[in-house]
């Protein structure tokens, strides 16, 4: 008597475990890189905002013939010198300061990684 067995197709448990292991290794490598890229991008965006604010302050001072100790407000700068007043991507706040000083972000400098600092160079 011949008993025909149907050939079963599919993946074995070992094959599935190997695939899950490979995916885990890829995620372990990719996630830190993604986080680092995101933090670096946010810091660069904040520095670009600070440069834009500083430029607007200088333009405001030249147009109003303000002294170096004069301090503009965000209302003085937007919408004449900046279309909209920028906000820090890390939810920090910007301090304008007087015309002779650079604007600052409340996040400030990062001592562990200088690529993530929110300070004008």
PDB file of N, CA and C in Angstrom:
ATOM      1  N   UNK A   1       0.841  -1.159   0.000  1.00  0.00           N
ATOM      2  CA  UNK A   1       0.000   0.000   0.000  1.00  0.00           C
ATOM      3  C   UNK A   1       0.894   1.232   0.000  1.00  0.00           C
ATOM      4  N   UNK A   2       0.653   2.060  -0.971  1.00  0.00           N
ATOM      5  CA  UNK A   2       1.396   3.306  -1.087  1.00  0.00           C
ATOM      6  C   UNK A   2       0.652   4.429  -0.380  1.00  0.00           C
ATOM      7  N   UNK A   3       1.362   5.054   0.502  1.00  0.00           N
ATOM      8  CA  UNK A   3       0.782   6.217   1.177  1.00  0.00           C
ATOM      9  C   UNK A   3       1.519   7.435   0.645  1.00  0.00           C
ATOM     10  N   UNK A   4       0.754   8.296   0.003  1.00  0.00           N
ATOM     11  CA  UNK A   4       1.362   9.506  -0.538  1.00  0.00           C
ATOM     12  C   UNK A   4       1.269  10.623   0.498  1.00  0.00           C
ATOM     13  N   UNK A   5       2.407  11.178   0.751  1.00  0.00           N
ATOM     14  CA  UNK A   5       2.432  12.319   1.660  1.00  0.00           C
ATOM     15  C   UNK A   5       2.442  13.585   0.830  1.00  0.00           C
ATOM     16  N   UNK A   6       1.669  14.514   1.259  1.00  0.00           N
ATOM     17  CA  UNK A   6       1.714  15.810   0.594  1.00  0.00           C
ATOM     18  C   UNK A   6       2.992  16.510   1.017  1.00  0.00           C
ATOM     19  N   UNK A   7       3.645  17.092   0.040  1.00  0.00           N
ATOM     20  CA  UNK A   7       4.862  17.840   0.360  1.00  0.00           C
ATOM     21  C   UNK A   7       4.444  19.153   1.018  1.00  0.00           C
ATOM     22  N   UNK A   8       4.906  19.342   2.235  1.00  0.00           N
ATOM     23  CA  UNK A   8       4.559  20.563   2.945  1.00  0.00           C
ATOM     24  C   UNK A   8       5.613  21.623   2.643  1.00  0.00           C
ATOM     25  N   UNK A   9       5.122  22.767   2.243  1.00  0.00           N
ATOM     26  CA  UNK A   9       6.033  23.873   1.963  1.00  0.00           C
ATOM     27  C   UNK A   9       5.870  24.918   3.061  1.00  0.00           C
ATOM     28  N   UNK A  10       6.917  25.633   3.282  1.00  0.00           N
ATOM     29  CA  UNK A  10       6.884  26.690   4.291  1.00  0.00           C
ATOM     30  C   UNK A  10       8.250  26.861   4.899  1.00  0.00           C
ATOM     31  N   UNK A  11       8.310  27.698   5.895  1.00  0.00           N
ATOM     32  CA  UNK A  11       9.571  27.996   6.556  1.00  0.00           C
ATOM     33  C   UNK A  11       9.677  27.190   7.847  1.00  0.00           C
ATOM     34  N   UNK A  12      10.871  26.782   8.142  1.00  0.00           N
ATOM     35  CA  UNK A  12      11.094  26.093   9.406  1.00  0.00           C
ATOM     36  C   UNK A  12      11.295  27.136  10.495  1.00  0.00           C
ATOM     37  N   UNK A  13      11.238  26.683  11.707  1.00  0.00           N
ATOM     38  CA  UNK A  13      11.407  27.578  12.848  1.00  0.00           C
ATOM     39  C   UNK A  13      12.801  28.212  12.843  1.00  0.00           C
ATOM     40  N   UNK A  14      13.796  27.458  12.474  1.00  0.00           N
ATOM     41  CA  UNK A  14      15.158  27.976  12.432  1.00  0.00           C
ATOM     42  C   UNK A  14      15.274  29.094  11.401  1.00  0.00           C
ATOM     43  N   UNK A  15      14.681  28.925  10.243  1.00  0.00           N
ATOM     44  CA  UNK A  15      14.730  29.962   9.208  1.00  0.00           C
ATOM     45  C   UNK A  15      14.051  31.245   9.680  1.00  0.00           C
ATOM     46  N   UNK A  16      12.931  31.116  10.337  1.00  0.00           N
ATOM     47  CA  UNK A  16      12.220  32.294  10.838  1.00  0.00           C
ATOM     48  C   UNK A  16      13.044  32.987  11.924  1.00  0.00           C
ATOM     49  N   UNK A  17      13.676  32.212  12.795  1.00  0.00           N
ATOM     50  CA  UNK A  17      14.502  32.802  13.845  1.00  0.00           C
ATOM     51  C   UNK A  17      15.694  33.556  13.252  1.00  0.00           C
ATOM     52  N   UNK A  18      16.285  33.033  12.196  1.00  0.00           N
ATOM     53  CA  UNK A  18      17.419  33.708  11.546  1.00  0.00           C
ATOM     54  C   UNK A  18      16.972  35.032  10.940  1.00  0.00           C
ATOM     55  N   UNK A  19      15.811  35.044  10.307  1.00  0.00           N
ATOM     56  CA  UNK A  19      15.294  36.286   9.723  1.00  0.00           C
ATOM     57  C   UNK A  19      15.016  37.320  10.818  1.00  0.00           C
ATOM     58  N   UNK A  20      14.413  36.888  11.920  1.00  0.00           N
ATOM     59  CA  UNK A  20      14.138  37.807  13.028  1.00  0.00           C
ATOM     60  C   UNK A  20      15.449  38.341  13.614  1.00  0.00           C
ATOM     61  N   UNK A  21      16.457  37.515  13.720  1.00  0.00           N
ATOM     62  CA  UNK A  21      17.761  37.940  14.218  1.00  0.00           C
ATOM     63  C   UNK A  21      18.393  38.980  13.295  1.00  0.00           C
ATOM     64  N   UNK A  22      18.322  38.770  12.003  1.00  0.00           N
ATOM     65  CA  UNK A  22      18.882  39.725  11.046  1.00  0.00           C
ATOM     66  C   UNK A  22      18.149  41.061  11.120  1.00  0.00           C
ATOM     67  N   UNK A  23      16.836  41.020  11.218  1.00  0.00           N
ATOM     68  CA  UNK A  23      16.059  42.262  11.340  1.00  0.00           C
ATOM     69  C   UNK A  23      16.425  42.990  12.637  1.00  0.00           C
ATOM     70  N   UNK A  24      16.601  42.251  13.715  1.00  0.00           N
ATOM     71  CA  UNK A  24      16.998  42.861  14.987  1.00  0.00           C
ATOM     72  C   UNK A  24      18.353  43.543  14.903  1.00  0.00           C
ATOM     73  N   UNK A  25      19.302  42.903  14.234  1.00  0.00           N
ATOM     74  CA  UNK A  25      20.630  43.497  14.077  1.00  0.00           C
ATOM     75  C   UNK A  25      20.547  44.768  13.238  1.00  0.00           C
ATOM     76  N   UNK A  26      19.775  44.736  12.169  1.00  0.00           N
ATOM     77  CA  UNK A  26      19.620  45.932  11.330  1.00  0.00           C
ATOM     78  C   UNK A  26      18.995  47.080  12.113  1.00  0.00           C
ATOM     79  N   UNK A  27      17.999  46.783  12.934  1.00  0.00           N
ATOM     80  CA  UNK A  27      17.371  47.823  13.749  1.00  0.00           C
ATOM     81  C   UNK A  27      18.340  48.368  14.800  1.00  0.00           C
ATOM     82  N   UNK A  28      19.142  47.496  15.375  1.00  0.00           N
ATOM     83  CA  UNK A  28      20.108  47.936  16.385  1.00  0.00           C
ATOM     84  C   UNK A  28      21.131  48.897  15.793  1.00  0.00           C
ATOM     85  N   UNK A  29      21.429  48.751  14.525  1.00  0.00           N
ATOM     86  CA  UNK A  29      22.375  49.649  13.862  1.00  0.00           C
ATOM     87  C   UNK A  29      21.667  50.915  13.380  1.00  0.00           C
ATOM     88  N   UNK A  30      20.466  50.790  12.877  1.00  0.00           N
ATOM     89  CA  UNK A  30      19.769  51.905  12.241  1.00  0.00           C
ATOM     90  C   UNK A  30      19.203  52.921  13.241  1.00  0.00           C
ATOM     91  N   UNK A  31      18.666  52.477  14.349  1.00  0.00           N
ATOM     92  CA  UNK A  31      17.984  53.393  15.274  1.00  0.00           C
ATOM     93  C   UNK A  31      18.941  54.443  15.860  1.00  0.00           C
ATOM     94  N   UNK A  32      20.116  54.085  16.367  1.00  0.00           N
ATOM     95  CA  UNK A  32      21.018  55.133  16.869  1.00  0.00           C
ATOM     96  C   UNK A  32      21.439  56.127  15.789  1.00  0.00           C
ATOM     97  N   UNK A  33      21.639  55.640  14.576  1.00  0.00           N
ATOM     98  CA  UNK A  33      22.005  56.544  13.484  1.00  0.00           C
ATOM     99  C   UNK A  33      20.872  57.512  13.184  1.00  0.00           C
ATOM    100  N   UNK A  34      19.649  57.026  13.219  1.00  0.00           N
ATOM    101  CA  UNK A  34      18.488  57.876  12.973  1.00  0.00           C
ATOM    102  C   UNK A  34      18.364  58.939  14.059  1.00  0.00           C
ATOM    103  N   UNK A  35      18.542  58.550  15.316  1.00  0.00           N
ATOM    104  CA  UNK A  35      18.435  59.505  16.421  1.00  0.00           C
ATOM    105  C   UNK A  35      19.517  60.576  16.308  1.00  0.00           C
ATOM    106  N   UNK A  36      20.732  60.158  15.984  1.00  0.00           N
ATOM    107  CA  UNK A  36      21.834  61.115  15.848  1.00  0.00           C
ATOM    108  C   UNK A  36      21.571  62.089  14.702  1.00  0.00           C
ATOM    109  N   UNK A  37      21.071  61.592  13.589  1.00  0.00           N
ATOM    110  CA  UNK A  37      20.781  62.459  12.450  1.00  0.00           C
ATOM    111  C   UNK A  37      19.673  63.454  12.790  1.00  0.00           C
ATOM    112  N   UNK A  38      18.670  63.010  13.526  1.00  0.00           N
ATOM    113  CA  UNK A  38      17.567  63.895  13.900  1.00  0.00           C
ATOM    114  C   UNK A  38      18.039  64.998  14.843  1.00  0.00           C
ATOM    115  N   UNK A  39      18.836  64.642  15.844  1.00  0.00           N
ATOM    116  CA  UNK A  39      19.344  65.642  16.787  1.00  0.00           C
ATOM    117  C   UNK A  39      20.256  66.654  16.094  1.00  0.00           C
ATOM    118  N   UNK A  40      21.112  66.172  15.228  1.00  0.00           N
ATOM    119  CA  UNK A  40      22.014  67.059  14.491  1.00  0.00           C
ATOM    120  C   UNK A  40      21.220  68.005  13.593  1.00  0.00           C
ATOM    121  N   UNK A  41      20.189  67.489  12.963  1.00  0.00           N
ATOM    122  CA  UNK A  41      19.351  68.307  12.086  1.00  0.00           C
ATOM    123  C   UNK A  41      18.626  69.403  12.877  1.00  0.00           C
ATOM    124  N   UNK A  42      18.113  69.055  14.039  1.00  0.00           N
ATOM    125  CA  UNK A  42      17.425  70.049  14.868  1.00  0.00           C
ATOM    126  C   UNK A  42      18.383  71.142  15.340  1.00  0.00           C
ATOM    127  N   UNK A  43      19.597  70.760  15.708  1.00  0.00           N
ATOM    128  CA  UNK A  43      20.580  71.755  16.146  1.00  0.00           C
ATOM    129  C   UNK A  43      20.953  72.680  14.999  1.00  0.00           C
ATOM    130  N   UNK A  44      21.123  72.144  13.804  1.00  0.00           N
ATOM    131  CA  UNK A  44      21.468  72.978  12.646  1.00  0.00           C
ATOM    132  C   UNK A  44      20.322  73.916  12.292  1.00  0.00           C
ATOM    133  N   UNK A  45      19.083  73.447  12.431  1.00  0.00           N
ATOM    134  CA  UNK A  45      17.927  74.306  12.169  1.00  0.00           C
ATOM    135  C   UNK A  45      17.862  75.439  13.189  1.00  0.00           C
ATOM    136  N   UNK A  46      18.176  75.136  14.437  1.00  0.00           N
ATOM    137  CA  UNK A  46      18.171  76.163  15.480  1.00  0.00           C
ATOM    138  C   UNK A  46      19.241  77.212  15.201  1.00  0.00           C
ATOM    139  N   UNK A  47      20.429  76.775  14.792  1.00  0.00           N
ATOM    140  CA  UNK A  47      21.507  77.719  14.475  1.00  0.00           C
ATOM    141  C   UNK A  47      21.119  78.590  13.283  1.00  0.00           C
ATOM    142  N   UNK A  48      20.457  78.004  12.289  1.00  0.00           N
ATOM    143  CA  UNK A  48      19.990  78.789  11.141  1.00  0.00           C
ATOM    144  C   UNK A  48      18.972  79.832  11.590  1.00  0.00           C
ATOM    145  N   UNK A  49      18.087  79.467  12.523  1.00  0.00           N
ATOM    146  CA  UNK A  49      17.120  80.430  13.062  1.00  0.00           C
ATOM    147  C   UNK A  49      17.829  81.560  13.800  1.00  0.00           C
ATOM    148  N   UNK A  50      18.863  81.219  14.586  1.00  0.00           N
ATOM    149  CA  UNK A  50      19.611  82.247  15.316  1.00  0.00           C
ATOM    150  C   UNK A  50      20.307  83.212  14.359  1.00  0.00           C
ATOM    151  N   UNK A  51      20.843  82.685  13.268  1.00  0.00           N
ATOM    152  CA  UNK A  51      21.481  83.548  12.270  1.00  0.00           C
ATOM    153  C   UNK A  51      20.454  84.470  11.622  1.00  0.00           C
ATOM    154  N   UNK A  52      19.268  83.946  11.361  1.00  0.00           N
ATOM    155  CA  UNK A  52      18.206  84.755  10.759  1.00  0.00           C
ATOM    156  C   UNK A  52      17.775  85.866  11.723  1.00  0.00           C
ATOM    157  N   UNK A  53      17.643  85.536  12.990  1.00  0.00           N
ATOM    158  CA  UNK A  53      17.273  86.543  13.992  1.00  0.00           C
ATOM    159  C   UNK A  53      18.359  87.604  14.115  1.00  0.00           C
ATOM    160  N   UNK A  54      19.618  87.164  14.123  1.00  0.00           N
ATOM    161  CA  UNK A  54      20.726  88.119  14.231  1.00  0.00           C
ATOM    162  C   UNK A  54      20.755  89.063  13.032  1.00  0.00           C
ATOM    163  N   UNK A  55      20.530  88.531  11.856  1.00  0.00           N
ATOM    164  CA  UNK A  55      20.493  89.363  10.655  1.00  0.00           C
ATOM    165  C   UNK A  55      19.344  90.373  10.723  1.00  0.00           C
ATOM    166  N   UNK A  56      18.195  89.921  11.185  1.00  0.00           N
ATOM    167  CA  UNK A  56      17.044  90.821  11.308  1.00  0.00           C
ATOM    168  C   UNK A  56      17.320  91.913  12.345  1.00  0.00           C
ATOM    169  N   UNK A  57      17.990  91.550  13.441  1.00  0.00           N
ATOM    170  CA  UNK A  57      18.354  92.561  14.451  1.00  0.00           C
ATOM    171  C   UNK A  57      19.262  93.624  13.864  1.00  0.00           C
ATOM    172  N   UNK A  58      20.240  93.200  13.087  1.00  0.00           N
ATOM    173  CA  UNK A  58      21.175  94.154  12.482  1.00  0.00           C
ATOM    174  C   UNK A  58      20.454  95.073  11.493  1.00  0.00           C
ATOM    175  N   UNK A  59      19.555  94.505  10.701  1.00  0.00           N
ATOM    176  CA  UNK A  59      18.786  95.324   9.755  1.00  0.00           C
ATOM    177  C   UNK A  59      17.899  96.313  10.495  1.00  0.00           C
ATOM    178  N   UNK A  60      17.263  95.849  11.571  1.00  0.00           N
ATOM    179  CA  UNK A  60      16.412  96.730  12.379  1.00  0.00           C
ATOM    180  C   UNK A  60      17.243  97.883  12.951  1.00  0.00           C
ATOM    181  N   UNK A  61      18.432  97.564  13.460  1.00  0.00           N
ATOM    182  CA  UNK A  61      19.279  98.597  14.064  1.00  0.00           C
ATOM    183  C   UNK A  61      19.719  99.622  13.025  1.00  0.00           C
ATOM    184  N   UNK A  62      20.032  99.161  11.813  1.00  0.00           N
ATOM    185  CA  UNK A  62      20.452 100.112  10.771  1.00  0.00           C
ATOM    186  C   UNK A  62      19.286 100.980  10.318  1.00  0.00           C
ATOM    187  N   UNK A  63      18.110 100.399  10.171  1.00  0.00           N
ATOM    188  CA  UNK A  63      16.949 101.171   9.721  1.00  0.00           C
ATOM    189  C   UNK A  63      16.482 102.182  10.758  1.00  0.00           C
ATOM    190  N   UNK A  64      16.547 101.815  12.030  1.00  0.00           N
ATOM    191  CA  UNK A  64      16.062 102.709  13.084  1.00  0.00           C
ATOM    192  C   UNK A  64      17.173 103.559  13.693  1.00  0.00           C
ATOM    193  N   UNK A  65      18.412 103.355  13.203  1.00  0.00           N
ATOM    194  CA  UNK A  65      19.575 104.062  13.736  1.00  0.00           C
ATOM    195  C   UNK A  65      19.680 103.875  15.256  1.00  0.00           C
ATOM    196  N   UNK A  66      19.439 102.634  15.684  1.00  0.00           N
ATOM    197  CA  UNK A  66      19.462 102.310  17.113  1.00  0.00           C
ATOM    198  C   UNK A  66      20.898 102.184  17.602  1.00  0.00           C
ATOM    199  N   UNK A  67      21.084 102.479  18.870  1.00  0.00           N
ATOM    200  CA  UNK A  67      22.402 102.338  19.494  1.00  0.00           C
ATOM    201  C   UNK A  67      22.720 100.854  19.679  1.00  0.00           C
ATOM    202  N   UNK A  68      23.989 100.557  19.926  1.00  0.00           N
ATOM    203  CA  UNK A  68      24.408  99.161  20.097  1.00  0.00           C
ATOM    204  C   UNK A  68      23.803  98.528  21.340  1.00  0.00           C
ATOM    205  N   UNK A  69      23.359  99.357  22.273  1.00  0.00           N
ATOM    206  CA  UNK A  69      22.759  98.835  23.499  1.00  0.00           C
ATOM    207  C   UNK A  69      21.245  98.671  23.389  1.00  0.00           C
ATOM    208  N   UNK A  70      20.659  99.069  22.251  1.00  0.00           N
ATOM    209  CA  UNK A  70      19.211  98.947  22.071  1.00  0.00           C
ATOM    210  C   UNK A  70      18.837  97.475  21.909  1.00  0.00           C
ATOM    211  N   UNK A  71      17.687  97.118  22.468  1.00  0.00           N
ATOM    212  CA  UNK A  71      17.214  95.741  22.398  1.00  0.00           C
ATOM    213  C   UNK A  71      15.882  95.696  21.659  1.00  0.00           C
ATOM    214  N   UNK A  72      15.841  95.077  20.475  1.00  0.00           N
ATOM    215  CA  UNK A  72      14.567  94.968  19.766  1.00  0.00           C
ATOM    216  C   UNK A  72      13.703  93.865  20.371  1.00  0.00           C
ATOM    217  N   UNK A  73      12.421  93.935  20.086  1.00  0.00           N
ATOM    218  CA  UNK A  73      11.507  92.871  20.488  1.00  0.00           C
ATOM    219  C   UNK A  73      11.159  92.047  19.258  1.00  0.00           C
ATOM    220  N   UNK A  74      10.550  90.906  19.472  1.00  0.00           N
ATOM    221  CA  UNK A  74      10.156  90.079  18.330  1.00  0.00           C
ATOM    222  C   UNK A  74       9.124  90.813  17.469  1.00  0.00           C
ATOM    223  N   UNK A  75       8.328  91.678  18.092  1.00  0.00           N
ATOM    224  CA  UNK A  75       7.356  92.457  17.326  1.00  0.00           C
ATOM    225  C   UNK A  75       8.046  93.487  16.437  1.00  0.00           C
ATOM    226  N   UNK A  76       9.226  93.965  16.853  1.00  0.00           N
ATOM    227  CA  UNK A  76       9.987  94.892  16.015  1.00  0.00           C
ATOM    228  C   UNK A  76      10.521  94.198  14.762  1.00  0.00           C
ATOM    229  N   UNK A  77      10.809  92.919  14.868  1.00  0.00           N
ATOM    230  CA  UNK A  77      11.439  92.190  13.764  1.00  0.00           C
ATOM    231  C   UNK A  77      10.438  91.568  12.796  1.00  0.00           C
ATOM    232  N   UNK A  78       9.354  91.010  13.303  1.00  0.00           N
ATOM    233  CA  UNK A  78       8.371  90.348  12.440  1.00  0.00           C
ATOM    234  C   UNK A  78       7.202  91.292  12.210  1.00  0.00           C
ATOM    235  N   UNK A  79       6.649  91.421  11.070  1.00  0.00           N
ATOM    236  CA  UNK A  79       6.938  90.795   9.787  1.00  0.00           C
ATOM    237  C   UNK A  79       7.853  91.620   8.884  1.00  0.00           C
ATOM    238  N   UNK A  80       8.392  92.746   9.373  1.00  0.00           N
ATOM    239  CA  UNK A  80       9.202  93.615   8.515  1.00  0.00           C
ATOM    240  C   UNK A  80      10.535  92.979   8.136  1.00  0.00           C
ATOM    241  N   UNK A  81      11.256  92.428   9.113  1.00  0.00           N
ATOM    242  CA  UNK A  81      12.601  91.907   8.859  1.00  0.00           C
ATOM    243  C   UNK A  81      12.644  90.373   8.802  1.00  0.00           C
ATOM    244  N   UNK A  82      11.666  89.733   9.405  1.00  0.00           N
ATOM    245  CA  UNK A  82      11.502  88.275   9.356  1.00  0.00           C
ATOM    246  C   UNK A  82      10.031  88.031   9.038  1.00  0.00           C
ATOM    247  N   UNK A  83       9.780  87.154   8.068  1.00  0.00           N
ATOM    248  CA  UNK A  83       8.390  86.899   7.681  1.00  0.00           C
ATOM    249  C   UNK A  83       7.579  86.413   8.876  1.00  0.00           C
ATOM    250  N   UNK A  84       8.057  85.378   9.549  1.00  0.00           N
ATOM    251  CA  UNK A  84       7.450  84.913  10.799  1.00  0.00           C
ATOM    252  C   UNK A  84       8.581  84.663  11.783  1.00  0.00           C
ATOM    253  N   UNK A  85       8.331  84.935  13.040  1.00  0.00           N
ATOM    254  CA  UNK A  85       9.369  84.745  14.053  1.00  0.00           C
ATOM    255  C   UNK A  85       9.599  83.251  14.238  1.00  0.00           C
ATOM    256  N   UNK A  86      10.840  82.782  14.086  1.00  0.00           N
ATOM    257  CA  UNK A  86      11.109  81.336  14.155  1.00  0.00           C
ATOM    258  C   UNK A  86      10.999  80.778  15.566  1.00  0.00           C
ATOM    259  N   UNK A  87      10.824  79.468  15.637  1.00  0.00           N
ATOM    260  CA  UNK A  87      10.815  78.782  16.933  1.00  0.00           C
ATOM    261  C   UNK A  87      11.830  77.654  16.895  1.00  0.00           C
ATOM    262  N   UNK A  88      12.392  77.358  18.032  1.00  0.00           N
ATOM    263  CA  UNK A  88      13.412  76.317  18.130  1.00  0.00           C
ATOM    264  C   UNK A  88      12.772  74.943  17.919  1.00  0.00           C
ATOM    265  N   UNK A  89      13.373  74.090  17.092  1.00  0.00           N
ATOM    266  CA  UNK A  89      12.811  72.763  16.870  1.00  0.00           C
ATOM    267  C   UNK A  89      12.854  71.863  18.110  1.00  0.00           C
ATOM    268  N   UNK A  90      13.651  72.210  19.100  1.00  0.00           N
ATOM    269  CA  UNK A  90      13.730  71.428  20.342  1.00  0.00           C
ATOM    270  C   UNK A  90      12.876  72.059  21.435  1.00  0.00           C
ATOM    271  N   UNK A  91      12.005  72.979  21.076  1.00  0.00           N
ATOM    272  CA  UNK A  91      11.096  73.661  22.002  1.00  0.00           C
ATOM    273  C   UNK A  91      11.832  74.598  22.957  1.00  0.00           C
ATOM    274  N   UNK A  92      13.005  75.063  22.558  1.00  0.00           N
ATOM    275  CA  UNK A  92      13.708  76.071  23.340  1.00  0.00           C
ATOM    276  C   UNK A  92      13.132  77.450  23.032  1.00  0.00           C
ATOM    277  N   UNK A  93      13.569  78.440  23.777  1.00  0.00           N
ATOM    278  CA  UNK A  93      13.127  79.811  23.529  1.00  0.00           C
ATOM    279  C   UNK A  93      14.333  80.664  23.149  1.00  0.00           C
ATOM    280  N   UNK A  94      14.088  81.626  22.280  1.00  0.00           N
ATOM    281  CA  UNK A  94      15.149  82.509  21.823  1.00  0.00           C
ATOM    282  C   UNK A  94      15.143  83.797  22.638  1.00  0.00           C
ATOM    283  N   UNK A  95      16.336  84.247  23.005  1.00  0.00           N
ATOM    284  CA  UNK A  95      16.512  85.524  23.683  1.00  0.00           C
ATOM    285  C   UNK A  95      17.252  86.439  22.722  1.00  0.00           C
ATOM    286  N   UNK A  96      16.647  87.582  22.406  1.00  0.00           N
ATOM    287  CA  UNK A  96      17.228  88.480  21.419  1.00  0.00           C
ATOM    288  C   UNK A  96      18.479  89.182  21.924  1.00  0.00           C
ATOM    289  N   UNK A  97      18.425  89.750  23.094  1.00  0.00           N
ATOM    290  CA  UNK A  97      19.556  90.528  23.604  1.00  0.00           C
ATOM    291  C   UNK A  97      19.682  91.847  22.862  1.00  0.00           C
ATOM    292  N   UNK A  98      20.682  92.614  23.212  1.00  0.00           N
ATOM    293  CA  UNK A  98      20.856  93.903  22.537  1.00  0.00           C
ATOM    294  C   UNK A  98      21.511  93.694  21.168  1.00  0.00           C
ATOM    295  N   UNK A  99      21.623  94.772  20.425  1.00  0.00           N
ATOM    296  CA  UNK A  99      22.097  94.699  19.043  1.00  0.00           C
ATOM    297  C   UNK A  99      23.537  94.188  18.962  1.00  0.00           C
ATOM    298  N   UNK A 100      24.344  94.506  19.947  1.00  0.00           N
ATOM    299  CA  UNK A 100      25.764  94.133  19.882  1.00  0.00           C
ATOM    300  C   UNK A 100      26.041  92.680  20.282  1.00  0.00           C
ATOM    301  N   UNK A 101      25.051  91.975  20.809  1.00  0.00           N
ATOM    302  CA  UNK A 101      25.249  90.572  21.194  1.00  0.00           C
ATOM    303  C   UNK A 101      24.429  89.654  20.295  1.00  0.00           C
ATOM    304  N   UNK A 102      24.890  88.429  20.152  1.00  0.00           N
ATOM    305  CA  UNK A 102      24.175  87.445  19.335  1.00  0.00           C
ATOM    306  C   UNK A 102      22.974  86.908  20.101  1.00  0.00           C
ATOM    307  N   UNK A 103      21.911  86.548  19.389  1.00  0.00           N
ATOM    308  CA  UNK A 103      20.770  85.929  20.063  1.00  0.00           C
ATOM    309  C   UNK A 103      21.164  84.551  20.596  1.00  0.00           C
ATOM    310  N   UNK A 104      20.452  84.093  21.602  1.00  0.00           N
ATOM    311  CA  UNK A 104      20.758  82.793  22.203  1.00  0.00           C
ATOM    312  C   UNK A 104      19.513  81.929  22.273  1.00  0.00           C
ATOM    313  N   UNK A 105      19.740  80.645  22.401  1.00  0.00           N
ATOM    314  CA  UNK A 105      18.657  79.681  22.564  1.00  0.00           C
ATOM    315  C   UNK A 105      18.741  79.117  23.980  1.00  0.00           C
ATOM    316  N   UNK A 106      17.589  78.836  24.578  1.00  0.00           N
ATOM    317  CA  UNK A 106      17.594  78.324  25.951  1.00  0.00           C
ATOM    318  C   UNK A 106      18.184  76.915  26.041  1.00  0.00           C
ATOM    319  N   UNK A 107      18.234  76.185  24.934  1.00  0.00           N
ATOM    320  CA  UNK A 107      18.839  74.847  24.945  1.00  0.00           C
ATOM    321  C   UNK A 107      20.342  74.979  25.189  1.00  0.00           C
ATOM    322  N   UNK A 108      20.965  75.971  24.580  1.00  0.00           N
ATOM    323  CA  UNK A 108      22.381  76.252  24.809  1.00  0.00           C
ATOM    324  C   UNK A 108      23.304  75.223  24.195  1.00  0.00           C
ATOM    325  N   UNK A 109      24.476  75.095  24.784  1.00  0.00           N
ATOM    326  CA  UNK A 109      25.474  74.194  24.214  1.00  0.00           C
ATOM    327  C   UNK A 109      25.325  72.801  24.797  1.00  0.00           C
ATOM    328  N   UNK A 110      25.694  71.824  23.987  1.00  0.00           N
ATOM    329  CA  UNK A 110      25.678  70.432  24.403  1.00  0.00           C
ATOM    330  C   UNK A 110      27.119  70.036  24.686  1.00  0.00           C
ATOM    331  N   UNK A 111      27.403  69.682  25.913  1.00  0.00           N
ATOM    332  CA  UNK A 111      28.784  69.372  26.282  1.00  0.00           C
ATOM    333  C   UNK A 111      29.208  67.985  25.831  1.00  0.00           C
ATOM    334  N   UNK A 112      28.251  67.076  25.624  1.00  0.00           N
ATOM    335  CA  UNK A 112      28.627  65.719  25.216  1.00  0.00           C
ATOM    336  C   UNK A 112      28.847  65.619  23.720  1.00  0.00           C
ATOM    337  N   UNK A 113      28.115  66.392  22.934  1.00  0.00           N
ATOM    338  CA  UNK A 113      28.275  66.346  21.484  1.00  0.00           C
ATOM    339  C   UNK A 113      28.105  67.761  20.941  1.00  0.00           C
ATOM    340  N   UNK A 114      29.192  68.376  20.502  1.00  0.00           N
ATOM    341  CA  UNK A 114      29.125  69.765  20.045  1.00  0.00           C
ATOM    342  C   UNK A 114      28.357  69.914  18.745  1.00  0.00           C
ATOM    343  N   UNK A 115      28.104  68.834  18.018  1.00  0.00           N
ATOM    344  CA  UNK A 115      27.293  68.920  16.802  1.00  0.00           C
ATOM    345  C   UNK A 115      25.834  69.199  17.125  1.00  0.00           C
ATOM    346  N   UNK A 116      25.435  68.984  18.370  1.00  0.00           N
ATOM    347  CA  UNK A 116      24.052  69.207  18.759  1.00  0.00           C
ATOM    348  C   UNK A 116      23.862  70.507  19.531  1.00  0.00           C
ATOM    349  N   UNK A 117      24.853  71.395  19.550  1.00  0.00           N
ATOM    350  CA  UNK A 117      24.769  72.643  20.300  1.00  0.00           C
ATOM    351  C   UNK A 117      23.864  73.640  19.585  1.00  0.00           C
ATOM    352  N   UNK A 118      23.136  74.396  20.376  1.00  0.00           N
ATOM    353  CA  UNK A 118      22.240  75.419  19.855  1.00  0.00           C
ATOM    354  C   UNK A 118      22.843  76.793  20.142  1.00  0.00           C
ATOM    355  N   UNK A 119      24.073  77.003  19.695  1.00  0.00           N
ATOM    356  CA  UNK A 119      24.802  78.247  19.940  1.00  0.00           C
ATOM    357  C   UNK A 119      25.403  78.708  18.622  1.00  0.00           C
ATOM    358  N   UNK A 120      25.315  80.011  18.373  1.00  0.00           N
ATOM    359  CA  UNK A 120      25.938  80.541  17.165  1.00  0.00           C
ATOM    360  C   UNK A 120      27.452  80.370  17.239  1.00  0.00           C
ATOM    361  N   UNK A 121      28.048  79.962  16.128  1.00  0.00           N
ATOM    362  CA  UNK A 121      29.512  79.783  16.142  1.00  0.00           C
ATOM    363  C   UNK A 121      30.245  81.111  16.197  1.00  0.00           C
TER     364      UNK A 121
END
